[in-house]
Amino acid sequence: MAEGDRRRRAFIGSFTAAGGPGLVTAEVHPDSGALTLLDSLDGVPDPSYLALSPDGNTLYAVSETADGAVAAYRVHSDKPELAGPPVPVGGGPTHLGLYDGHLLTADYGSGTVTAVPLRPDGSLAGAPSGLLRHTGSGPHERRQRGPHAHQVQPDPSGRWAVSVDLGTDSVRVCVLADGTPAVHRETALRPGSGPRHLAFHPGAEYAYVVNELTPTVTVCRWDADGGRLQPLTEIPVLPGAPAGDAYPSGIAVSPDGRFVWTATRGEDVLSFFAVEGGGETLRLTGTVPCGGHWPRALTESAGFLYAANERSGNVTWFALDPLTGRPRYDGSVDVPAASCVVFD
């Protein structure tokens, strides 16, 4: 965007195989948080998850296909432009994060974490520099026959990368060794929980893992000095037994550390928690409808909460009560097969 242009934008991923438009840009209203769609680009298939570079100039997207790839886009205008050809990674990548001069992808299909080096301008430097292959399985007969890396991201200190694996019920704390991800320590969670995504408390001493195969959040203590994750308690994300399918997906923490929110598909609700004990305890305080069907991802931005509802094909936004953290539905835009929302 031009120098001095203070418009905030949202970038929305979608599944092109399910009719989605690809990568979508939207303008964010500064007061209401409302989204106004601007443009779209179908440069790569199924750009399901996105991440923005720290300088805001480059957007990265996984291509969640059986073969798997990652792409970089320049976002100087409202229509992103590919910054070079996509780079093949592991199969079925579902998440990505920036760490130590590399872009890391969590490859659900192949159960791997792939590292792609970056040039100083943020573009992809070429072929992957290394790959970490997860091993193990879990008790769920259909979903945990082998590893399924679902998320990878740096910790708040930037010293470590954490990889959440749904198939092995574990979180791996990693470093890069000559461009190859290597395990520093692996933390086991409850068998059959199916961990999906992890979010850190802003105090950096606690982390919260939302579990897909059981509707819970695991509260963990995080030691950045030793790169150690210690599970403490497991909290339900629903006030009672699920009425039907219930598959938690996204998790977000408020910037002030007072609230946590989760999204649950099937039940199609957003849950909100009060954070107590400096981050050590979560107390479920309620749920609200997500405003669509099958909320795949959840993002907090500038005091608003956004849900990407995959099967209803819309992105909804919610104002947040400053005293309770309760989301209040405020609006929606149509994005077929929406899967992710990030903000510049």
Protein backbone atom coordinates (compact mmCIF):
# COMPACT_ATOMS: atom_id res chain seq x y z
CA MET A 1 0.00 0.00 0.00
CA ALA A 2 1.12 3.59 -0.60
CA GLU A 3 3.08 5.44 2.07
CA GLY A 4 0.73 7.02 4.57
CA ASP A 5 -2.24 4.84 3.61
CA ARG A 6 -3.57 3.77 7.01
CA ARG A 7 -6.34 1.47 5.87
CA ARG A 8 -6.27 -1.87 7.62
CA ARG A 9 -6.85 -4.95 5.55
CA ALA A 10 -7.86 -8.51 6.18
CA PHE A 11 -6.65 -11.46 4.10
CA ILE A 12 -8.99 -14.41 3.84
CA GLY A 13 -8.05 -17.91 2.69
CA SER A 14 -10.51 -20.34 1.12
CA PHE A 15 -10.75 -23.79 -0.46
CA THR A 16 -10.91 -23.41 -4.24
CA ALA A 17 -11.75 -27.12 -4.58
CA ALA A 18 -15.00 -26.38 -2.69
CA GLY A 19 -15.86 -23.29 -4.73
CA GLY A 20 -13.82 -20.72 -2.84
CA PRO A 21 -12.34 -17.70 -4.64
CA GLY A 22 -8.79 -18.35 -3.39
CA LEU A 23 -7.06 -15.51 -1.58
CA VAL A 24 -9.41 -12.62 -0.74
CA THR A 25 -8.61 -9.10 0.49
CA ALA A 26 -10.98 -6.94 2.53
CA GLU A 27 -10.90 -3.50 4.10
CA VAL A 28 -11.40 -3.32 7.88
CA HIS A 29 -13.55 -0.50 9.21
CA PRO A 30 -11.51 1.14 11.99
CA ASP A 31 -14.44 1.61 14.39
CA SER A 32 -16.85 -1.25 13.74
CA GLY A 33 -14.39 -3.94 12.63
CA ALA A 34 -16.66 -4.61 9.64
CA LEU A 35 -15.14 -6.15 6.51
CA THR A 36 -15.68 -4.84 2.98
CA LEU A 37 -14.45 -7.19 0.26
CA LEU A 38 -11.93 -5.66 -2.15
CA ASP A 39 -10.46 -8.28 -4.51
CA SER A 40 -9.43 -11.90 -4.89
CA LEU A 41 -6.77 -14.04 -6.54
CA ASP A 42 -6.83 -17.76 -7.34
CA GLY A 43 -3.07 -18.02 -7.87
CA VAL A 44 -2.67 -21.36 -6.05
CA PRO A 45 -5.25 -24.03 -5.21
CA ASP A 46 -6.72 -24.22 -1.71
CA PRO A 47 -4.84 -21.41 0.10
CA SER A 48 -6.32 -22.54 3.39
CA TYR A 49 -3.99 -20.92 5.90
CA LEU A 50 -2.13 -17.60 5.77
CA ALA A 51 0.63 -15.74 7.60
CA LEU A 52 1.91 -12.18 7.16
CA SER A 53 5.56 -11.12 7.32
CA PRO A 54 6.52 -8.79 10.21
CA ASP A 55 6.94 -5.83 7.84
CA GLY A 56 3.50 -6.46 6.32
CA ASN A 57 4.83 -6.61 2.76
CA THR A 58 4.61 -10.35 2.12
CA LEU A 59 1.76 -12.78 2.68
CA TYR A 60 2.36 -16.53 2.78
CA ALA A 61 -0.18 -19.24 2.03
CA VAL A 62 -0.16 -23.00 2.16
CA SER A 63 -1.70 -24.84 -0.76
CA GLU A 64 -3.58 -27.57 1.09
CA THR A 65 -3.50 -30.21 -1.63
CA ALA A 66 -2.36 -33.81 -1.58
CA ASP A 67 1.01 -32.81 -3.07
CA GLY A 68 1.33 -29.66 -0.95
CA ALA A 69 3.00 -26.32 -1.63
CA VAL A 70 3.59 -22.90 -0.13
CA ALA A 71 3.40 -19.54 -1.91
CA ALA A 72 4.47 -15.96 -1.18
CA TYR A 73 2.51 -12.89 -2.30
CA ARG A 74 3.32 -9.20 -2.45
CA VAL A 75 0.51 -7.20 -0.87
CA HIS A 76 1.39 -3.63 -1.82
CA SER A 77 -1.99 -3.29 -3.53
CA ASP A 78 -5.45 -4.65 -2.82
CA LYS A 79 -4.87 -7.50 -5.28
CA PRO A 80 -1.99 -9.68 -4.06
CA GLU A 81 0.65 -10.72 -6.60
CA LEU A 82 2.62 -13.95 -6.51
CA ALA A 83 6.26 -13.30 -5.60
CA GLY A 84 7.68 -16.22 -7.55
CA PRO A 85 6.53 -19.78 -8.11
CA PRO A 86 5.05 -21.89 -5.29
CA VAL A 87 7.47 -24.27 -3.56
CA PRO A 88 6.52 -27.93 -2.95
CA VAL A 89 6.40 -29.01 0.71
CA GLY A 90 4.94 -32.04 2.51
CA GLY A 91 1.50 -33.39 1.70
CA GLY A 92 -1.66 -31.59 2.83
CA PRO A 93 -0.10 -28.57 4.63
CA THR A 94 -2.56 -26.95 7.05
CA HIS A 95 -0.54 -24.24 8.80
CA LEU A 96 2.64 -22.19 8.51
CA GLY A 97 4.81 -19.88 10.59
CA LEU A 98 7.94 -17.73 10.28
CA TYR A 99 10.95 -18.85 12.29
CA ASP A 100 14.69 -18.18 12.14
CA GLY A 101 14.79 -16.92 8.55
CA HIS A 102 12.58 -19.73 7.28
CA LEU A 103 8.96 -20.44 6.58
CA LEU A 104 7.82 -23.60 8.35
CA THR A 105 4.80 -25.60 7.22
CA ALA A 106 2.82 -28.17 9.21
CA ASP A 107 1.98 -30.92 6.72
CA TYR A 108 -1.06 -32.80 7.99
CA GLY A 109 -1.17 -35.43 5.24
CA SER A 110 2.46 -36.51 5.46
CA GLY A 111 2.95 -35.84 9.18
CA THR A 112 5.95 -33.59 8.57
CA VAL A 113 7.26 -30.08 9.22
CA THR A 114 9.01 -28.51 6.23
CA ALA A 115 11.45 -25.57 6.33
CA VAL A 116 11.69 -23.23 3.32
CA PRO A 117 14.45 -20.58 3.45
CA LEU A 118 13.52 -16.94 2.86
CA ARG A 119 15.37 -14.22 0.99
CA PRO A 120 15.97 -10.87 2.74
CA ASP A 121 13.02 -9.41 0.80
CA GLY A 122 10.72 -12.08 2.22
CA SER A 123 10.32 -14.15 -0.95
CA LEU A 124 10.86 -17.91 -0.98
CA ALA A 125 14.53 -18.70 -1.67
CA GLY A 126 13.87 -22.01 -3.40
CA ALA A 127 13.49 -25.66 -2.45
CA PRO A 128 13.05 -26.69 1.19
CA SER A 129 16.22 -26.76 3.27
CA GLY A 130 15.02 -29.60 5.46
CA LEU A 131 12.13 -31.68 6.72
CA LEU A 132 11.19 -33.20 10.08
CA ARG A 133 9.15 -36.39 9.91
CA HIS A 134 6.94 -36.95 12.94
CA THR A 135 6.46 -40.51 14.20
CA GLY A 136 3.83 -42.14 16.36
CA SER A 137 0.08 -42.72 16.48
CA GLY A 138 -2.90 -42.48 18.83
CA PRO A 139 -5.91 -44.52 19.96
CA HIS A 140 -8.46 -42.99 17.58
CA GLU A 141 -8.85 -45.73 14.97
CA ARG A 142 -9.58 -43.49 11.98
CA ARG A 143 -7.87 -40.19 12.75
CA GLN A 144 -4.69 -41.28 14.57
CA ARG A 145 -3.21 -44.15 12.59
CA GLY A 146 -0.11 -42.03 12.06
CA PRO A 147 1.26 -38.51 12.65
CA HIS A 148 -0.69 -35.46 11.45
CA ALA A 149 1.18 -32.20 12.03
CA HIS A 150 -1.55 -29.56 12.24
CA GLN A 151 0.16 -26.35 13.35
CA VAL A 152 3.65 -24.89 13.59
CA GLN A 153 4.63 -21.50 15.01
CA PRO A 154 7.42 -19.75 16.93
CA ASP A 155 7.13 -19.27 20.67
CA PRO A 156 7.00 -15.67 22.01
CA SER A 157 10.75 -15.62 22.66
CA GLY A 158 11.55 -16.60 19.08
CA ARG A 159 13.98 -19.24 20.33
CA TRP A 160 11.79 -22.23 19.58
CA ALA A 161 9.24 -23.49 17.08
CA VAL A 162 6.34 -25.59 18.38
CA SER A 163 4.61 -28.20 16.24
CA VAL A 164 1.19 -29.54 17.27
CA ASP A 165 0.40 -33.06 16.04
CA LEU A 166 -3.19 -34.34 16.07
CA GLY A 167 -2.20 -37.90 15.18
CA THR A 168 0.35 -38.45 17.94
CA ASP A 169 -1.34 -36.49 20.77
CA SER A 170 1.80 -34.44 21.30
CA VAL A 171 3.54 -31.10 20.87
CA ARG A 172 7.13 -31.00 19.65
CA VAL A 173 9.44 -28.15 20.61
CA CYS A 174 11.91 -27.70 17.75
CA VAL A 175 14.94 -25.77 16.56
CA LEU A 176 16.55 -25.47 13.14
CA ALA A 177 19.82 -27.34 12.64
CA ASP A 178 21.48 -26.34 9.36
CA GLY A 179 18.06 -25.47 7.94
CA THR A 180 16.40 -28.71 9.08
CA PRO A 181 13.78 -28.79 11.86
CA ALA A 182 14.97 -30.92 14.77
CA VAL A 183 13.13 -31.98 17.93
CA HIS A 184 14.40 -30.49 21.17
CA ARG A 185 11.66 -32.01 23.32
CA GLU A 186 8.31 -33.75 22.75
CA THR A 187 5.43 -33.30 25.19
CA ALA A 188 2.72 -35.95 25.38
CA LEU A 189 -0.90 -34.86 25.88
CA ARG A 190 -3.81 -37.08 26.88
CA PRO A 191 -4.15 -40.05 24.47
CA GLY A 192 -7.02 -39.52 22.06
CA SER A 193 -7.33 -35.78 22.69
CA GLY A 194 -6.21 -34.91 19.15
CA PRO A 195 -4.42 -31.56 19.69
CA ARG A 196 -4.99 -29.13 16.80
CA HIS A 197 -3.78 -25.59 17.58
CA LEU A 198 -1.81 -23.88 20.35
CA ALA A 199 -1.95 -20.24 21.47
CA PHE A 200 0.39 -18.55 23.94
CA HIS A 201 -0.68 -16.31 26.80
CA PRO A 202 0.90 -12.83 26.33
CA GLY A 203 2.75 -13.29 29.60
CA ALA A 204 4.62 -16.11 27.78
CA GLU A 205 4.46 -18.46 30.78
CA TYR A 206 1.39 -20.42 29.67
CA ALA A 207 0.03 -21.94 26.48
CA TYR A 208 -3.39 -23.31 25.57
CA VAL A 209 -3.90 -26.26 23.22
CA VAL A 210 -7.32 -26.73 21.67
CA ASN A 211 -8.10 -30.40 21.06
CA GLU A 212 -10.09 -31.54 18.03
CA LEU A 213 -11.00 -35.13 18.91
CA THR A 214 -12.33 -34.20 22.35
CA PRO A 215 -13.94 -30.77 22.89
CA THR A 216 -11.37 -29.51 25.40
CA VAL A 217 -8.48 -27.09 25.93
CA THR A 218 -5.28 -28.26 27.62
CA VAL A 219 -3.65 -25.61 29.79
CA CYS A 220 0.16 -25.90 29.79
CA ARG A 221 3.01 -24.15 31.53
CA TRP A 222 5.67 -22.87 29.10
CA ASP A 223 9.35 -22.53 30.01
CA ALA A 224 11.10 -20.57 27.27
CA ASP A 225 14.53 -20.95 28.90
CA GLY A 226 14.42 -24.74 28.69
CA GLY A 227 12.01 -25.08 25.77
CA ARG A 228 9.68 -27.14 27.94
CA LEU A 229 5.88 -27.48 27.73
CA GLN A 230 4.15 -28.99 30.79
CA PRO A 231 0.44 -29.96 30.66
CA LEU A 232 -1.49 -28.84 33.74
CA THR A 233 -5.24 -29.23 33.29
CA GLU A 234 -7.79 -30.02 30.58
CA ILE A 235 -10.92 -27.85 30.37
CA PRO A 236 -14.15 -28.57 28.40
CA VAL A 237 -15.03 -25.98 25.75
CA LEU A 238 -18.78 -26.72 26.03
CA PRO A 239 -21.00 -26.35 29.10
CA GLY A 240 -22.45 -29.86 28.68
CA ALA A 241 -22.22 -32.94 26.53
CA PRO A 242 -22.25 -32.18 22.78
CA ALA A 243 -25.63 -32.56 21.09
CA GLY A 244 -23.93 -34.07 18.04
CA ASP A 245 -20.60 -33.61 16.27
CA ALA A 246 -18.25 -31.31 18.15
CA TYR A 247 -14.81 -30.66 16.67
CA PRO A 248 -12.95 -27.67 18.12
CA SER A 249 -10.83 -25.81 15.60
CA GLY A 250 -9.50 -22.34 16.37
CA ILE A 251 -8.27 -20.68 19.56
CA ALA A 252 -7.42 -17.03 20.31
CA VAL A 253 -6.14 -15.16 23.36
CA SER A 254 -6.85 -11.50 24.08
CA PRO A 255 -3.81 -9.20 23.89
CA ASP A 256 -4.22 -8.32 27.57
CA GLY A 257 -4.37 -12.01 28.53
CA ARG A 258 -7.76 -11.77 30.26
CA PHE A 259 -9.79 -13.93 27.87
CA VAL A 260 -9.53 -17.00 25.64
CA TRP A 261 -11.94 -17.92 22.85
CA THR A 262 -12.40 -21.18 20.95
CA ALA A 263 -14.50 -22.22 17.95
CA THR A 264 -16.23 -25.60 17.72
CA ARG A 265 -17.47 -27.07 14.46
CA GLY A 266 -20.66 -29.11 14.45
CA GLU A 267 -21.97 -27.32 17.52
CA ASP A 268 -21.10 -24.12 15.56
CA VAL A 269 -20.38 -22.04 18.65
CA LEU A 270 -17.70 -19.75 20.00
CA SER A 271 -16.78 -20.37 23.63
CA PHE A 272 -15.34 -17.69 25.88
CA PHE A 273 -13.20 -18.19 28.96
CA ALA A 274 -12.00 -15.99 31.79
CA VAL A 275 -8.25 -16.33 32.39
CA GLU A 276 -7.37 -16.58 36.07
CA GLY A 277 -4.27 -17.15 38.16
CA GLY A 278 -2.07 -15.11 35.82
CA GLY A 279 -2.81 -17.54 32.99
CA GLU A 280 -2.77 -20.85 34.86
CA THR A 281 -6.55 -21.34 34.94
CA LEU A 282 -9.35 -21.04 32.38
CA ARG A 283 -12.97 -20.73 33.45
CA LEU A 284 -15.63 -21.35 30.79
CA THR A 285 -18.13 -18.51 31.05
CA GLY A 286 -20.39 -19.14 28.06
CA THR A 287 -20.93 -19.85 24.37
CA VAL A 288 -22.54 -17.94 21.49
CA PRO A 289 -23.50 -19.04 17.94
CA CYS A 290 -20.69 -18.51 15.42
CA GLY A 291 -23.04 -16.96 12.83
CA GLY A 292 -22.46 -19.72 10.29
CA HIS A 293 -21.64 -23.38 9.87
CA TRP A 294 -18.34 -25.15 10.54
CA PRO A 295 -16.08 -22.40 11.95
CA ARG A 296 -12.64 -23.50 10.81
CA ALA A 297 -10.52 -20.65 12.18
CA LEU A 298 -10.78 -17.91 14.79
CA THR A 299 -8.85 -14.63 14.94
CA GLU A 300 -8.83 -11.71 17.37
CA SER A 301 -7.90 -8.31 15.95
CA ALA A 302 -8.18 -4.81 17.44
CA GLY A 303 -10.91 -5.75 19.89
CA PHE A 304 -12.99 -7.83 17.48
CA LEU A 305 -13.29 -11.58 16.94
CA TYR A 306 -13.55 -13.10 13.44
CA ALA A 307 -14.71 -16.60 12.50
CA ALA A 308 -14.12 -18.18 9.08
CA ASN A 309 -17.14 -20.44 8.58
CA GLU A 310 -16.18 -22.96 5.93
CA ARG A 311 -19.43 -24.75 5.10
CA SER A 312 -21.75 -21.74 5.25
CA GLY A 313 -19.22 -19.73 3.22
CA ASN A 314 -18.98 -16.59 5.31
CA VAL A 315 -16.74 -14.66 7.67
CA THR A 316 -18.48 -13.28 10.75
CA TRP A 317 -17.25 -10.68 13.21
CA PHE A 318 -18.07 -9.99 16.83
CA ALA A 319 -17.59 -7.06 19.19
CA LEU A 320 -16.11 -8.12 22.53
CA ASP A 321 -17.45 -7.13 25.92
CA PRO A 322 -14.50 -5.54 27.76
CA LEU A 323 -15.65 -6.89 31.13
CA THR A 324 -16.58 -10.48 30.26
CA GLY A 325 -15.03 -11.15 26.84
CA ARG A 326 -18.44 -12.23 25.55
CA PRO A 327 -18.62 -11.97 21.72
CA ARG A 328 -21.59 -10.07 20.26
CA TYR A 329 -22.41 -10.81 16.62
CA ASP A 330 -22.02 -7.67 14.51
CA GLY A 331 -21.93 -8.73 10.86
CA SER A 332 -20.86 -11.06 8.06
CA VAL A 333 -19.47 -11.16 4.51
CA ASP A 334 -19.85 -14.01 2.04
CA VAL A 335 -16.66 -15.90 1.20
CA PRO A 336 -17.37 -19.41 -0.12
CA ALA A 337 -15.38 -22.15 1.65
CA ALA A 338 -13.68 -19.61 3.96
CA SER A 339 -10.86 -21.12 6.00
CA CYS A 340 -8.69 -18.43 7.62
CA VAL A 341 -8.48 -14.67 8.32
CA VAL A 342 -5.34 -12.64 9.12
CA PHE A 343 -4.82 -8.87 9.44
CA ASP A 344 -2.09 -6.41 8.49
